[in-house]
Amino acid sequence: MLKIFKHYRPNQVARYVKSYFRGRLYIVGIGGYEFDGGRLLPPNSKDKKVLMTLSEVNREIEQLAEVI
């Protein structure tokens, strides 16, 4: 299943990844990602914007884990 986010909100993306644990998502204007184990996986591209988004969402996931 592919989830498409029209707006980039790191907390919203992190909650989605944390709840579904494995799958794919696409953020309009940024690109597509795969996630497994409740974390975004590094993409094949080395685009700086994509990598920054990846690290930001994974930080949000870690913060969600600390709250619970």
C-alpha atoms as a PDB file:
ATOM      1  CA  MET A   1       0.000   0.000   0.000  1.00  0.00           C
ATOM      2  CA  LEU A   2       1.283   3.439  -0.920  1.00  0.00           C
ATOM      3  CA  LYS A   3       0.338   6.429   1.231  1.00  0.00           C
ATOM      4  CA  ILE A   4       0.582   9.851  -0.415  1.00  0.00           C
ATOM      5  CA  PHE A   5       1.144  12.911   1.770  1.00  0.00           C
ATOM      6  CA  LYS A   6       0.196  16.168   0.047  1.00  0.00           C
ATOM      7  CA  HIS A   7       1.933  18.264   2.705  1.00  0.00           C
ATOM      8  CA  TYR A   8       5.131  17.448   4.560  1.00  0.00           C
ATOM      9  CA  ARG A   9       4.495  17.306   8.291  1.00  0.00           C
ATOM     10  CA  PRO A  10       7.247  15.282   9.988  1.00  0.00           C
ATOM     11  CA  ASN A  11       5.142  14.323  12.996  1.00  0.00           C
ATOM     12  CA  GLN A  12       2.277  13.058  10.837  1.00  0.00           C
ATOM     13  CA  VAL A  13       4.627  11.016   8.640  1.00  0.00           C
ATOM     14  CA  ALA A  14       6.363   9.607  11.741  1.00  0.00           C
ATOM     15  CA  ARG A  15       3.066   8.483  13.276  1.00  0.00           C
ATOM     16  CA  TYR A  16       2.110   6.770  10.017  1.00  0.00           C
ATOM     17  CA  VAL A  17       5.463   4.943   9.763  1.00  0.00           C
ATOM     18  CA  LYS A  18       5.324   3.938  13.433  1.00  0.00           C
ATOM     19  CA  SER A  19       1.791   2.562  13.175  1.00  0.00           C
ATOM     20  CA  TYR A  20       2.127   0.592   9.913  1.00  0.00           C
ATOM     21  CA  PHE A  21       5.725  -0.584  10.509  1.00  0.00           C
ATOM     22  CA  ARG A  22       6.369  -1.636   6.866  1.00  0.00           C
ATOM     23  CA  GLY A  23       5.365  -0.113   3.534  1.00  0.00           C
ATOM     24  CA  ARG A  24       5.870   2.760   1.125  1.00  0.00           C
ATOM     25  CA  LEU A  25       4.974   6.429   1.161  1.00  0.00           C
ATOM     26  CA  TYR A  26       5.280   9.426  -1.115  1.00  0.00           C
ATOM     27  CA  ILE A  27       5.541  13.076  -0.093  1.00  0.00           C
ATOM     28  CA  VAL A  28       4.494  15.491  -2.828  1.00  0.00           C
ATOM     29  CA  GLY A  29       7.386  17.753  -3.759  1.00  0.00           C
ATOM     30  CA  ILE A  30      10.006  15.599  -2.034  1.00  0.00           C
ATOM     31  CA  GLY A  31       9.802  12.000  -3.227  1.00  0.00           C
ATOM     32  CA  GLY A  32       9.093   8.392  -2.359  1.00  0.00           C
ATOM     33  CA  TYR A  33      10.312   6.352   0.593  1.00  0.00           C
ATOM     34  CA  GLU A  34      10.146   2.805   1.860  1.00  0.00           C
ATOM     35  CA  PHE A  35       9.975   1.984   5.537  1.00  0.00           C
ATOM     36  CA  ASP A  36      10.577  -1.180   7.498  1.00  0.00           C
ATOM     37  CA  GLY A  37      10.902  -1.846  11.186  1.00  0.00           C
ATOM     38  CA  GLY A  38       9.176   1.435  11.973  1.00  0.00           C
ATOM     39  CA  ARG A  39      11.928   3.556  10.356  1.00  0.00           C
ATOM     40  CA  LEU A  40      12.422   5.142   6.949  1.00  0.00           C
ATOM     41  CA  LEU A  41      15.033   3.385   4.839  1.00  0.00           C
ATOM     42  CA  PRO A  42      17.708   5.330   2.943  1.00  0.00           C
ATOM     43  CA  PRO A  43      16.738   5.879  -0.706  1.00  0.00           C
ATOM     44  CA  ASN A  44      18.956   5.154  -3.692  1.00  0.00           C
ATOM     45  CA  SER A  45      19.201   8.834  -4.600  1.00  0.00           C
ATOM     46  CA  LYS A  46      21.656  11.094  -2.822  1.00  0.00           C
ATOM     47  CA  ASP A  47      19.449  14.196  -3.056  1.00  0.00           C
ATOM     48  CA  LYS A  48      20.121  16.420  -0.045  1.00  0.00           C
ATOM     49  CA  LYS A  49      16.455  17.332   0.454  1.00  0.00           C
ATOM     50  CA  VAL A  50      15.440  13.664   0.498  1.00  0.00           C
ATOM     51  CA  LEU A  51      18.151  12.750   2.998  1.00  0.00           C
ATOM     52  CA  MET A  52      17.291  15.699   5.270  1.00  0.00           C
ATOM     53  CA  THR A  53      13.645  14.637   5.269  1.00  0.00           C
ATOM     54  CA  LEU A  54      14.652  11.052   6.052  1.00  0.00           C
ATOM     55  CA  SER A  55      16.695  12.055   9.087  1.00  0.00           C
ATOM     56  CA  GLU A  56      14.042  14.498  10.313  1.00  0.00           C
ATOM     57  CA  VAL A  57      11.269  11.888  10.187  1.00  0.00           C
ATOM     58  CA  ASN A  58      13.441   9.239  11.852  1.00  0.00           C
ATOM     59  CA  ARG A  59      14.201  11.720  14.675  1.00  0.00           C
ATOM     60  CA  GLU A  60      10.459  12.280  15.110  1.00  0.00           C
ATOM     61  CA  ILE A  61       9.950   8.501  15.300  1.00  0.00           C
ATOM     62  CA  GLU A  62      12.582   8.286  18.049  1.00  0.00           C
ATOM     63  CA  GLN A  63      10.835  11.071  19.964  1.00  0.00           C
ATOM     64  CA  LEU A  64       7.519   9.230  19.680  1.00  0.00           C
ATOM     65  CA  ALA A  65       9.166   6.133  21.158  1.00  0.00           C
ATOM     66  CA  GLU A  66      10.438   8.149  24.139  1.00  0.00           C
ATOM     67  CA  VAL A  67       6.974   9.502  24.917  1.00  0.00           C
ATOM     68  CA  ILE A  68       5.341   6.069  25.094  1.00  0.00           C
END
